[in-house]
Amino acid sequence: EEFDFFRAQELGKGFPEKDEFLSNDLSQFHQVSTQF
């Protein structure tokens, strides 16, 4: 099973300053695995 964390990031040039990029953190990977 994979899981993510929410992260708000700046959009950068060409976007209003008050707007943000709202999504998960694409630079990280999280997983829980179980073996029987």
PDB file of all heavy atoms in Angstrom:
ATOM      1  N   GLU A   1       0.841  -1.196   0.000  1.00  0.00           N
ATOM      2  CA  GLU A   1       0.000   0.000   0.000  1.00  0.00           C
ATOM      3  C   GLU A   1       0.876   1.245   0.000  1.00  0.00           C
ATOM      4  O   GLU A   1       1.867   1.318   0.730  1.00  0.00           O
ATOM      5  CB  GLU A   1      -0.918   0.008   1.225  1.00  0.00           C
ATOM      6  CG  GLU A   1      -1.887  -1.170   1.277  1.00  0.00           C
ATOM      7  CD  GLU A   1      -2.732  -1.156   2.535  1.00  0.00           C
ATOM      8  OE1 GLU A   1      -2.314  -0.477   3.500  1.00  0.00           O
ATOM      9  OE2 GLU A   1      -3.785  -1.806   2.564  1.00  0.00           O
ATOM     10  N   GLU A   2       0.508   2.203  -0.832  1.00  0.00           N
ATOM     11  CA  GLU A   2       1.231   3.470  -0.914  1.00  0.00           C
ATOM     12  C   GLU A   2       0.422   4.573  -0.231  1.00  0.00           C
ATOM     13  O   GLU A   2      -0.812   4.509  -0.184  1.00  0.00           O
ATOM     14  CB  GLU A   2       1.484   3.852  -2.376  1.00  0.00           C
ATOM     15  CG  GLU A   2       2.305   2.840  -3.153  1.00  0.00           C
ATOM     16  CD  GLU A   2       2.479   3.244  -4.611  1.00  0.00           C
ATOM     17  OE1 GLU A   2       2.197   4.434  -4.922  1.00  0.00           O
ATOM     18  OE2 GLU A   2       2.874   2.388  -5.431  1.00  0.00           O
ATOM     19  N   PHE A   3       1.121   5.540   0.309  1.00  0.00           N
ATOM     20  CA  PHE A   3       0.446   6.695   0.892  1.00  0.00           C
ATOM     21  C   PHE A   3       1.278   7.944   0.607  1.00  0.00           C
ATOM     22  O   PHE A   3       2.487   7.874   0.348  1.00  0.00           O
ATOM     23  CB  PHE A   3       0.234   6.508   2.405  1.00  0.00           C
ATOM     24  CG  PHE A   3       1.501   6.321   3.188  1.00  0.00           C
ATOM     25  CD1 PHE A   3       2.141   7.420   3.775  1.00  0.00           C
ATOM     26  CD2 PHE A   3       2.057   5.062   3.375  1.00  0.00           C
ATOM     27  CE1 PHE A   3       3.296   7.252   4.507  1.00  0.00           C
ATOM     28  CE2 PHE A   3       3.214   4.893   4.111  1.00  0.00           C
ATOM     29  CZ  PHE A   3       3.838   5.994   4.680  1.00  0.00           C
ATOM     30  N   ASP A   4       0.592   9.109   0.613  1.00  0.00           N
ATOM     31  CA  ASP A   4       1.232  10.382   0.282  1.00  0.00           C
ATOM     32  C   ASP A   4       0.914  11.411   1.358  1.00  0.00           C
ATOM     33  O   ASP A   4       0.011  11.218   2.188  1.00  0.00           O
ATOM     34  CB  ASP A   4       0.737  10.900  -1.075  1.00  0.00           C
ATOM     35  CG  ASP A   4       1.176  10.008  -2.225  1.00  0.00           C
ATOM     36  OD1 ASP A   4       2.398   9.802  -2.364  1.00  0.00           O
ATOM     37  OD2 ASP A   4       0.306   9.506  -2.971  1.00  0.00           O
ATOM     38  N   PHE A   5       1.658  12.503   1.308  1.00  0.00           N
ATOM     39  CA  PHE A   5       1.429  13.648   2.194  1.00  0.00           C
ATOM     40  C   PHE A   5       1.107  14.878   1.344  1.00  0.00           C
ATOM     41  O   PHE A   5       1.682  15.068   0.265  1.00  0.00           O
ATOM     42  CB  PHE A   5       2.658  13.925   3.064  1.00  0.00           C
ATOM     43  CG  PHE A   5       2.929  12.858   4.072  1.00  0.00           C
ATOM     44  CD1 PHE A   5       3.905  11.899   3.850  1.00  0.00           C
ATOM     45  CD2 PHE A   5       2.203  12.802   5.259  1.00  0.00           C
ATOM     46  CE1 PHE A   5       4.161  10.919   4.778  1.00  0.00           C
ATOM     47  CE2 PHE A   5       2.455  11.823   6.193  1.00  0.00           C
ATOM     48  CZ  PHE A   5       3.435  10.875   5.959  1.00  0.00           C
ATOM     49  N   PHE A   6       0.192  15.693   1.879  1.00  0.00           N
ATOM     50  CA  PHE A   6      -0.178  16.926   1.183  1.00  0.00           C
ATOM     51  C   PHE A   6       0.967  17.929   1.269  1.00  0.00           C
ATOM     52  O   PHE A   6       1.648  18.039   2.294  1.00  0.00           O
ATOM     53  CB  PHE A   6      -1.442  17.506   1.810  1.00  0.00           C
ATOM     54  CG  PHE A   6      -1.753  18.898   1.345  1.00  0.00           C
ATOM     55  CD1 PHE A   6      -2.269  19.129   0.082  1.00  0.00           C
ATOM     56  CD2 PHE A   6      -1.502  19.986   2.173  1.00  0.00           C
ATOM     57  CE1 PHE A   6      -2.544  20.412  -0.344  1.00  0.00           C
ATOM     58  CE2 PHE A   6      -1.771  21.271   1.752  1.00  0.00           C
ATOM     59  CZ  PHE A   6      -2.297  21.491   0.485  1.00  0.00           C
ATOM     60  N   ARG A   7       1.122  18.693   0.166  1.00  0.00           N
ATOM     61  CA  ARG A   7       2.145  19.736   0.154  1.00  0.00           C
ATOM     62  C   ARG A   7       1.663  20.887  -0.717  1.00  0.00           C
ATOM     63  O   ARG A   7       1.167  20.668  -1.825  1.00  0.00           O
ATOM     64  CB  ARG A   7       3.472  19.208  -0.392  1.00  0.00           C
ATOM     65  CG  ARG A   7       4.585  20.252  -0.383  1.00  0.00           C
ATOM     66  CD  ARG A   7       5.874  19.691  -0.911  1.00  0.00           C
ATOM     67  NE  ARG A   7       6.931  20.686  -0.911  1.00  0.00           N
ATOM     68  CZ  ARG A   7       8.163  20.494  -1.390  1.00  0.00           C
ATOM     69  NH1 ARG A   7       8.469  19.323  -1.929  1.00  0.00           N
ATOM     70  NH2 ARG A   7       9.073  21.456  -1.355  1.00  0.00           N
ATOM     71  N   ALA A   8       1.793  22.087  -0.190  1.00  0.00           N
ATOM     72  CA  ALA A   8       1.458  23.314  -0.932  1.00  0.00           C
ATOM     73  C   ALA A   8       2.755  23.951  -1.415  1.00  0.00           C
ATOM     74  O   ALA A   8       3.673  24.174  -0.616  1.00  0.00           O
ATOM     75  CB  ALA A   8       0.680  24.287  -0.049  1.00  0.00           C
ATOM     76  N   GLN A   9       2.826  24.221  -2.715  1.00  0.00           N
ATOM     77  CA  GLN A   9       4.040  24.796  -3.289  1.00  0.00           C
ATOM     78  C   GLN A   9       3.694  26.019  -4.129  1.00  0.00           C
ATOM     79  O   GLN A   9       2.578  26.144  -4.636  1.00  0.00           O
ATOM     80  CB  GLN A   9       4.750  23.761  -4.173  1.00  0.00           C
ATOM     81  CG  GLN A   9       5.066  22.453  -3.476  1.00  0.00           C
ATOM     82  CD  GLN A   9       5.716  21.461  -4.418  1.00  0.00           C
ATOM     83  OE1 GLN A   9       6.804  21.697  -4.941  1.00  0.00           O
ATOM     84  NE2 GLN A   9       5.014  20.348  -4.656  1.00  0.00           N
ATOM     85  N   GLU A  10       4.663  26.908  -4.273  1.00  0.00           N
ATOM     86  CA  GLU A  10       4.479  28.088  -5.112  1.00  0.00           C
ATOM     87  C   GLU A  10       4.406  27.682  -6.576  1.00  0.00           C
ATOM     88  O   GLU A  10       5.103  26.768  -7.016  1.00  0.00           O
ATOM     89  CB  GLU A  10       5.632  29.059  -4.904  1.00  0.00           C
ATOM     90  CG  GLU A  10       5.682  29.654  -3.501  1.00  0.00           C
ATOM     91  CD  GLU A  10       6.826  30.654  -3.371  1.00  0.00           C
ATOM     92  OE1 GLU A  10       7.534  30.855  -4.385  1.00  0.00           O
ATOM     93  OE2 GLU A  10       6.985  31.217  -2.277  1.00  0.00           O
ATOM     94  N   LEU A  11       3.562  28.405  -7.327  1.00  0.00           N
ATOM     95  CA  LEU A  11       3.402  28.108  -8.740  1.00  0.00           C
ATOM     96  C   LEU A  11       4.513  28.716  -9.593  1.00  0.00           C
ATOM     97  O   LEU A  11       4.808  28.226 -10.675  1.00  0.00           O
ATOM     98  CB  LEU A  11       2.047  28.611  -9.225  1.00  0.00           C
ATOM     99  CG  LEU A  11       0.836  27.821  -8.700  1.00  0.00           C
ATOM    100  CD1 LEU A  11      -0.451  28.524  -9.099  1.00  0.00           C
ATOM    101  CD2 LEU A  11       0.857  26.410  -9.263  1.00  0.00           C
ATOM    102  N   GLY A  12       5.117  29.795  -9.121  1.00  0.00           N
ATOM    103  CA  GLY A  12       6.204  30.415  -9.869  1.00  0.00           C
ATOM    104  C   GLY A  12       5.720  31.534 -10.773  1.00  0.00           C
ATOM    105  O   GLY A  12       4.592  32.033 -10.656  1.00  0.00           O
ATOM    106  N   LYS A  13       6.559  31.951 -11.665  1.00  0.00           N
ATOM    107  CA  LYS A  13       6.255  33.073 -12.545  1.00  0.00           C
ATOM    108  C   LYS A  13       5.082  32.742 -13.457  1.00  0.00           C
ATOM    109  O   LYS A  13       4.933  31.612 -13.910  1.00  0.00           O
ATOM    110  CB  LYS A  13       7.470  33.430 -13.397  1.00  0.00           C
ATOM    111  CG  LYS A  13       8.651  33.952 -12.583  1.00  0.00           C
ATOM    112  CD  LYS A  13       9.811  34.332 -13.496  1.00  0.00           C
ATOM    113  CE  LYS A  13      10.987  34.876 -12.693  1.00  0.00           C
ATOM    114  NZ  LYS A  13      12.120  35.251 -13.574  1.00  0.00           N
ATOM    115  N   GLY A  14       4.267  33.814 -13.715  1.00  0.00           N
ATOM    116  CA  GLY A  14       3.118  33.663 -14.594  1.00  0.00           C
ATOM    117  C   GLY A  14       1.841  33.313 -13.871  1.00  0.00           C
ATOM    118  O   GLY A  14       0.797  33.176 -14.497  1.00  0.00           O
ATOM    119  N   PHE A  15       1.891  33.152 -12.545  1.00  0.00           N
ATOM    120  CA  PHE A  15       0.715  32.836 -11.757  1.00  0.00           C
ATOM    121  C   PHE A  15       0.570  33.874 -10.647  1.00  0.00           C
ATOM    122  O   PHE A  15       1.553  34.443 -10.174  1.00  0.00           O
ATOM    123  CB  PHE A  15       0.813  31.441 -11.131  1.00  0.00           C
ATOM    124  CG  PHE A  15       0.817  30.322 -12.153  1.00  0.00           C
ATOM    125  CD1 PHE A  15       2.016  29.840 -12.667  1.00  0.00           C
ATOM    126  CD2 PHE A  15      -0.378  29.779 -12.614  1.00  0.00           C
ATOM    127  CE1 PHE A  15       2.024  28.823 -13.595  1.00  0.00           C
ATOM    128  CE2 PHE A  15      -0.371  28.759 -13.541  1.00  0.00           C
ATOM    129  CZ  PHE A  15       0.830  28.275 -14.039  1.00  0.00           C
ATOM    130  N   PRO A  16      -0.664  34.147 -10.214  1.00  0.00           N
ATOM    131  CA  PRO A  16      -0.849  35.080  -9.094  1.00  0.00           C
ATOM    132  C   PRO A  16      -0.111  34.590  -7.849  1.00  0.00           C
ATOM    133  O   PRO A  16      -0.008  33.376  -7.602  1.00  0.00           O
ATOM    134  CB  PRO A  16      -2.365  35.087  -8.883  1.00  0.00           C
ATOM    135  CG  PRO A  16      -2.938  34.631 -10.190  1.00  0.00           C
ATOM    136  CD  PRO A  16      -1.948  33.683 -10.752  1.00  0.00           C
ATOM    137  N   GLU A  17       0.394  35.561  -7.047  1.00  0.00           N
ATOM    138  CA  GLU A  17       1.170  35.198  -5.856  1.00  0.00           C
ATOM    139  C   GLU A  17       0.333  34.456  -4.827  1.00  0.00           C
ATOM    140  O   GLU A  17       0.853  33.638  -4.060  1.00  0.00           O
ATOM    141  CB  GLU A  17       1.775  36.455  -5.229  1.00  0.00           C
ATOM    142  CG  GLU A  17       2.820  37.117  -6.105  1.00  0.00           C
ATOM    143  CD  GLU A  17       3.432  38.325  -5.404  1.00  0.00           C
ATOM    144  OE1 GLU A  17       2.981  38.624  -4.270  1.00  0.00           O
ATOM    145  OE2 GLU A  17       4.348  38.934  -5.971  1.00  0.00           O
ATOM    146  N   LYS A  18      -0.985  34.786  -4.765  1.00  0.00           N
ATOM    147  CA  LYS A  18      -1.813  34.148  -3.742  1.00  0.00           C
ATOM    148  C   LYS A  18      -2.190  32.708  -4.099  1.00  0.00           C
ATOM    149  O   LYS A  18      -2.652  31.953  -3.250  1.00  0.00           O
ATOM    150  CB  LYS A  18      -3.093  34.957  -3.521  1.00  0.00           C
ATOM    151  CG  LYS A  18      -4.019  35.052  -4.736  1.00  0.00           C
ATOM    152  CD  LYS A  18      -5.267  35.816  -4.407  1.00  0.00           C
ATOM    153  CE  LYS A  18      -6.210  35.942  -5.606  1.00  0.00           C
ATOM    154  NZ  LYS A  18      -5.578  36.675  -6.714  1.00  0.00           N
ATOM    155  N   ASP A  19      -1.995  32.312  -5.372  1.00  0.00           N
ATOM    156  CA  ASP A  19      -2.322  30.947  -5.771  1.00  0.00           C
ATOM    157  C   ASP A  19      -1.158  29.999  -5.452  1.00  0.00           C
ATOM    158  O   ASP A  19       0.020  30.394  -5.498  1.00  0.00           O
ATOM    159  CB  ASP A  19      -2.633  30.874  -7.268  1.00  0.00           C
ATOM    160  CG  ASP A  19      -3.931  31.598  -7.607  1.00  0.00           C
ATOM    161  OD1 ASP A  19      -4.740  31.803  -6.681  1.00  0.00           O
ATOM    162  OD2 ASP A  19      -4.120  31.932  -8.788  1.00  0.00           O
ATOM    163  N   GLU A  20      -1.485  28.736  -5.134  1.00  0.00           N
ATOM    164  CA  GLU A  20      -0.484  27.731  -4.802  1.00  0.00           C
ATOM    165  C   GLU A  20      -0.782  26.423  -5.545  1.00  0.00           C
ATOM    166  O   GLU A  20      -1.919  26.152  -5.933  1.00  0.00           O
ATOM    167  CB  GLU A  20      -0.459  27.445  -3.299  1.00  0.00           C
ATOM    168  CG  GLU A  20       0.004  28.624  -2.451  1.00  0.00           C
ATOM    169  CD  GLU A  20       0.008  28.293  -0.981  1.00  0.00           C
ATOM    170  OE1 GLU A  20      -0.958  27.644  -0.508  1.00  0.00           O
ATOM    171  OE2 GLU A  20       0.990  28.647  -0.298  1.00  0.00           O
ATOM    172  N   PHE A  21       0.267  25.643  -5.692  1.00  0.00           N
ATOM    173  CA  PHE A  21       0.132  24.309  -6.278  1.00  0.00           C
ATOM    174  C   PHE A  21      -0.160  23.324  -5.152  1.00  0.00           C
ATOM    175  O   PHE A  21       0.673  23.080  -4.275  1.00  0.00           O
ATOM    176  CB  PHE A  21       1.421  23.927  -7.015  1.00  0.00           C
ATOM    177  CG  PHE A  21       1.392  22.549  -7.619  1.00  0.00           C
ATOM    178  CD1 PHE A  21       0.646  22.298  -8.754  1.00  0.00           C
ATOM    179  CD2 PHE A  21       2.110  21.507  -7.036  1.00  0.00           C
ATOM    180  CE1 PHE A  21       0.620  21.030  -9.316  1.00  0.00           C
ATOM    181  CE2 PHE A  21       2.083  20.249  -7.586  1.00  0.00           C
ATOM    182  CZ  PHE A  21       1.344  20.000  -8.731  1.00  0.00           C
ATOM    183  N   LEU A  22      -1.371  22.797  -5.137  1.00  0.00           N
ATOM    184  CA  LEU A  22      -1.817  21.921  -4.048  1.00  0.00           C
ATOM    185  C   LEU A  22      -1.848  20.469  -4.550  1.00  0.00           C
ATOM    186  O   LEU A  22      -2.631  20.116  -5.433  1.00  0.00           O
ATOM    187  CB  LEU A  22      -3.207  22.339  -3.565  1.00  0.00           C
ATOM    188  CG  LEU A  22      -3.378  23.811  -3.193  1.00  0.00           C
ATOM    189  CD1 LEU A  22      -4.807  24.094  -2.763  1.00  0.00           C
ATOM    190  CD2 LEU A  22      -2.384  24.198  -2.092  1.00  0.00           C
ATOM    191  N   SER A  23      -0.978  19.634  -3.987  1.00  0.00           N
ATOM    192  CA  SER A  23      -0.920  18.232  -4.405  1.00  0.00           C
ATOM    193  C   SER A  23      -0.053  17.460  -3.420  1.00  0.00           C
ATOM    194  O   SER A  23       0.273  17.974  -2.330  1.00  0.00           O
ATOM    195  CB  SER A  23      -0.360  18.114  -5.826  1.00  0.00           C
ATOM    196  OG  SER A  23      -0.361  16.767  -6.256  1.00  0.00           O
ATOM    197  N   ASN A  24       0.305  16.253  -3.797  1.00  0.00           N
ATOM    198  CA  ASN A  24       1.240  15.498  -2.961  1.00  0.00           C
ATOM    199  C   ASN A  24       2.665  15.846  -3.345  1.00  0.00           C
ATOM    200  O   ASN A  24       2.911  16.490  -4.378  1.00  0.00           O
ATOM    201  CB  ASN A  24       1.005  13.985  -3.139  1.00  0.00           C
ATOM    202  CG  ASN A  24       1.268  13.536  -4.560  1.00  0.00           C
ATOM    203  OD1 ASN A  24       0.816  14.162  -5.514  1.00  0.00           O
ATOM    204  ND2 ASN A  24       2.012  12.445  -4.718  1.00  0.00           N
ATOM    205  N   ASP A  25       3.595  15.383  -2.528  1.00  0.00           N
ATOM    206  CA  ASP A  25       5.005  15.675  -2.773  1.00  0.00           C
ATOM    207  C   ASP A  25       5.547  14.641  -3.753  1.00  0.00           C
ATOM    208  O   ASP A  25       5.732  13.471  -3.417  1.00  0.00           O
ATOM    209  CB  ASP A  25       5.782  15.621  -1.457  1.00  0.00           C
ATOM    210  CG  ASP A  25       7.199  16.162  -1.612  1.00  0.00           C
ATOM    211  OD1 ASP A  25       7.648  16.331  -2.765  1.00  0.00           O
ATOM    212  OD2 ASP A  25       7.854  16.399  -0.584  1.00  0.00           O
ATOM    213  N   LEU A  26       5.786  15.064  -4.998  1.00  0.00           N
ATOM    214  CA  LEU A  26       6.254  14.138  -6.019  1.00  0.00           C
ATOM    215  C   LEU A  26       7.702  13.719  -5.833  1.00  0.00           C
ATOM    216  O   LEU A  26       8.176  12.791  -6.514  1.00  0.00           O
ATOM    217  CB  LEU A  26       6.084  14.775  -7.403  1.00  0.00           C
ATOM    218  CG  LEU A  26       4.636  15.137  -7.791  1.00  0.00           C
ATOM    219  CD1 LEU A  26       4.609  15.796  -9.156  1.00  0.00           C
ATOM    220  CD2 LEU A  26       3.762  13.881  -7.772  1.00  0.00           C
ATOM    221  N   SER A  27       8.415  14.359  -4.911  1.00  0.00           N
ATOM    222  CA  SER A  27       9.818  14.005  -4.679  1.00  0.00           C
ATOM    223  C   SER A  27       9.977  12.911  -3.633  1.00  0.00           C
ATOM    224  O   SER A  27      11.097  12.518  -3.312  1.00  0.00           O
ATOM    225  CB  SER A  27      10.610  15.248  -4.240  1.00  0.00           C
ATOM    226  OG  SER A  27      10.141  15.706  -2.966  1.00  0.00           O
ATOM    227  N   GLN A  28       8.853  12.429  -3.087  1.00  0.00           N
ATOM    228  CA  GLN A  28       8.919  11.403  -2.051  1.00  0.00           C
ATOM    229  C   GLN A  28       8.010  10.227  -2.416  1.00  0.00           C
ATOM    230  O   GLN A  28       7.039  10.373  -3.164  1.00  0.00           O
ATOM    231  CB  GLN A  28       8.498  11.969  -0.691  1.00  0.00           C
ATOM    232  CG  GLN A  28       9.406  13.083  -0.187  1.00  0.00           C
ATOM    233  CD  GLN A  28       8.957  13.596   1.180  1.00  0.00           C
ATOM    234  OE1 GLN A  28       7.984  13.114   1.738  1.00  0.00           O
ATOM    235  NE2 GLN A  28       9.674  14.583   1.696  1.00  0.00           N
ATOM    236  N   PHE A  29       8.370   9.044  -1.885  1.00  0.00           N
ATOM    237  CA  PHE A  29       7.585   7.824  -2.096  1.00  0.00           C
ATOM    238  C   PHE A  29       7.439   7.112  -0.759  1.00  0.00           C
ATOM    239  O   PHE A  29       8.420   6.902  -0.044  1.00  0.00           O
ATOM    240  CB  PHE A  29       8.269   6.912  -3.114  1.00  0.00           C
ATOM    241  CG  PHE A  29       7.526   5.626  -3.368  1.00  0.00           C
ATOM    242  CD1 PHE A  29       6.439   5.590  -4.220  1.00  0.00           C
ATOM    243  CD2 PHE A  29       7.911   4.451  -2.724  1.00  0.00           C
ATOM    244  CE1 PHE A  29       5.754   4.416  -4.453  1.00  0.00           C
ATOM    245  CE2 PHE A  29       7.232   3.269  -2.945  1.00  0.00           C
ATOM    246  CZ  PHE A  29       6.153   3.249  -3.815  1.00  0.00           C
ATOM    247  N   HIS A  30       6.201   6.753  -0.414  1.00  0.00           N
ATOM    248  CA  HIS A  30       5.921   6.113   0.879  1.00  0.00           C
ATOM    249  C   HIS A  30       5.119   4.844   0.629  1.00  0.00           C
ATOM    250  O   HIS A  30       4.166   4.848  -0.161  1.00  0.00           O
ATOM    251  CB  HIS A  30       5.144   7.059   1.802  1.00  0.00           C
ATOM    252  CG  HIS A  30       5.742   8.429   1.877  1.00  0.00           C
ATOM    253  ND1 HIS A  30       6.811   8.741   2.670  1.00  0.00           N
ATOM    254  CD2 HIS A  30       5.424   9.579   1.204  1.00  0.00           C
ATOM    255  CE1 HIS A  30       7.123  10.022   2.534  1.00  0.00           C
ATOM    256  NE2 HIS A  30       6.287  10.550   1.636  1.00  0.00           N
ATOM    257  N   GLN A  31       5.495   3.772   1.338  1.00  0.00           N
ATOM    258  CA  GLN A  31       4.836   2.486   1.103  1.00  0.00           C
ATOM    259  C   GLN A  31       4.914   1.614   2.356  1.00  0.00           C
ATOM    260  O   GLN A  31       5.903   1.658   3.096  1.00  0.00           O
ATOM    261  CB  GLN A  31       5.516   1.753  -0.070  1.00  0.00           C
ATOM    262  CG  GLN A  31       4.849   0.446  -0.478  1.00  0.00           C
ATOM    263  CD  GLN A  31       5.639  -0.265  -1.550  1.00  0.00           C
ATOM    264  OE1 GLN A  31       6.765  -0.694  -1.319  1.00  0.00           O
ATOM    265  NE2 GLN A  31       5.052  -0.367  -2.745  1.00  0.00           N
ATOM    266  N   VAL A  32       3.848   0.848   2.559  1.00  0.00           N
ATOM    267  CA  VAL A  32       3.826  -0.188   3.592  1.00  0.00           C
ATOM    268  C   VAL A  32       3.590  -1.519   2.893  1.00  0.00           C
ATOM    269  O   VAL A  32       2.599  -1.676   2.172  1.00  0.00           O
ATOM    270  CB  VAL A  32       2.718   0.071   4.637  1.00  0.00           C
ATOM    271  CG1 VAL A  32       2.655  -1.088   5.632  1.00  0.00           C
ATOM    272  CG2 VAL A  32       2.956   1.378   5.366  1.00  0.00           C
ATOM    273  N   SER A  33       4.525  -2.464   3.060  1.00  0.00           N
ATOM    274  CA  SER A  33       4.392  -3.781   2.429  1.00  0.00           C
ATOM    275  C   SER A  33       4.476  -4.865   3.501  1.00  0.00           C
ATOM    276  O   SER A  33       5.187  -4.728   4.494  1.00  0.00           O
ATOM    277  CB  SER A  33       5.475  -3.991   1.369  1.00  0.00           C
ATOM    278  OG  SER A  33       6.762  -3.891   1.943  1.00  0.00           O
ATOM    279  N   THR A  34       3.725  -5.922   3.265  1.00  0.00           N
ATOM    280  CA  THR A  34       3.674  -7.042   4.201  1.00  0.00           C
ATOM    281  C   THR A  34       3.895  -8.337   3.442  1.00  0.00           C
ATOM    282  O   THR A  34       3.318  -8.531   2.364  1.00  0.00           O
ATOM    283  CB  THR A  34       2.313  -7.103   4.915  1.00  0.00           C
ATOM    284  OG1 THR A  34       2.055  -5.838   5.544  1.00  0.00           O
ATOM    285  CG2 THR A  34       2.310  -8.193   5.979  1.00  0.00           C
ATOM    286  N   GLN A  35       4.748  -9.213   3.990  1.00  0.00           N
ATOM    287  CA  GLN A  35       5.017 -10.512   3.397  1.00  0.00           C
ATOM    288  C   GLN A  35       4.583 -11.613   4.373  1.00  0.00           C
ATOM    289  O   GLN A  35       4.818 -11.506   5.581  1.00  0.00           O
ATOM    290  CB  GLN A  35       6.508 -10.688   3.060  1.00  0.00           C
ATOM    291  CG  GLN A  35       7.007  -9.813   1.927  1.00  0.00           C
ATOM    292  CD  GLN A  35       7.217  -8.373   2.356  1.00  0.00           C
ATOM    293  OE1 GLN A  35       7.709  -8.121   3.459  1.00  0.00           O
ATOM    294  NE2 GLN A  35       6.852  -7.430   1.496  1.00  0.00           N
ATOM    295  N   PHE A  36       3.955 -12.664   3.827  1.00  0.00           N
ATOM    296  CA  PHE A  36       3.540 -13.814   4.624  1.00  0.00           C
ATOM    297  C   PHE A  36       4.318 -15.038   4.135  1.00  0.00           C
ATOM    298  O   PHE A  36       4.352 -15.320   2.935  1.00  0.00           O
ATOM    299  CB  PHE A  36       2.034 -14.057   4.488  1.00  0.00           C
ATOM    300  CG  PHE A  36       1.191 -12.951   5.086  1.00  0.00           C
ATOM    301  CD1 PHE A  36       0.756 -11.901   4.299  1.00  0.00           C
ATOM    302  CD2 PHE A  36       0.854 -12.967   6.427  1.00  0.00           C
ATOM    303  CE1 PHE A  36      -0.004 -10.879   4.842  1.00  0.00           C
ATOM    304  CE2 PHE A  36       0.092 -11.957   6.975  1.00  0.00           C
ATOM    305  CZ  PHE A  36      -0.333 -10.902   6.180  1.00  0.00           C
TER     306      PHE A  36
END
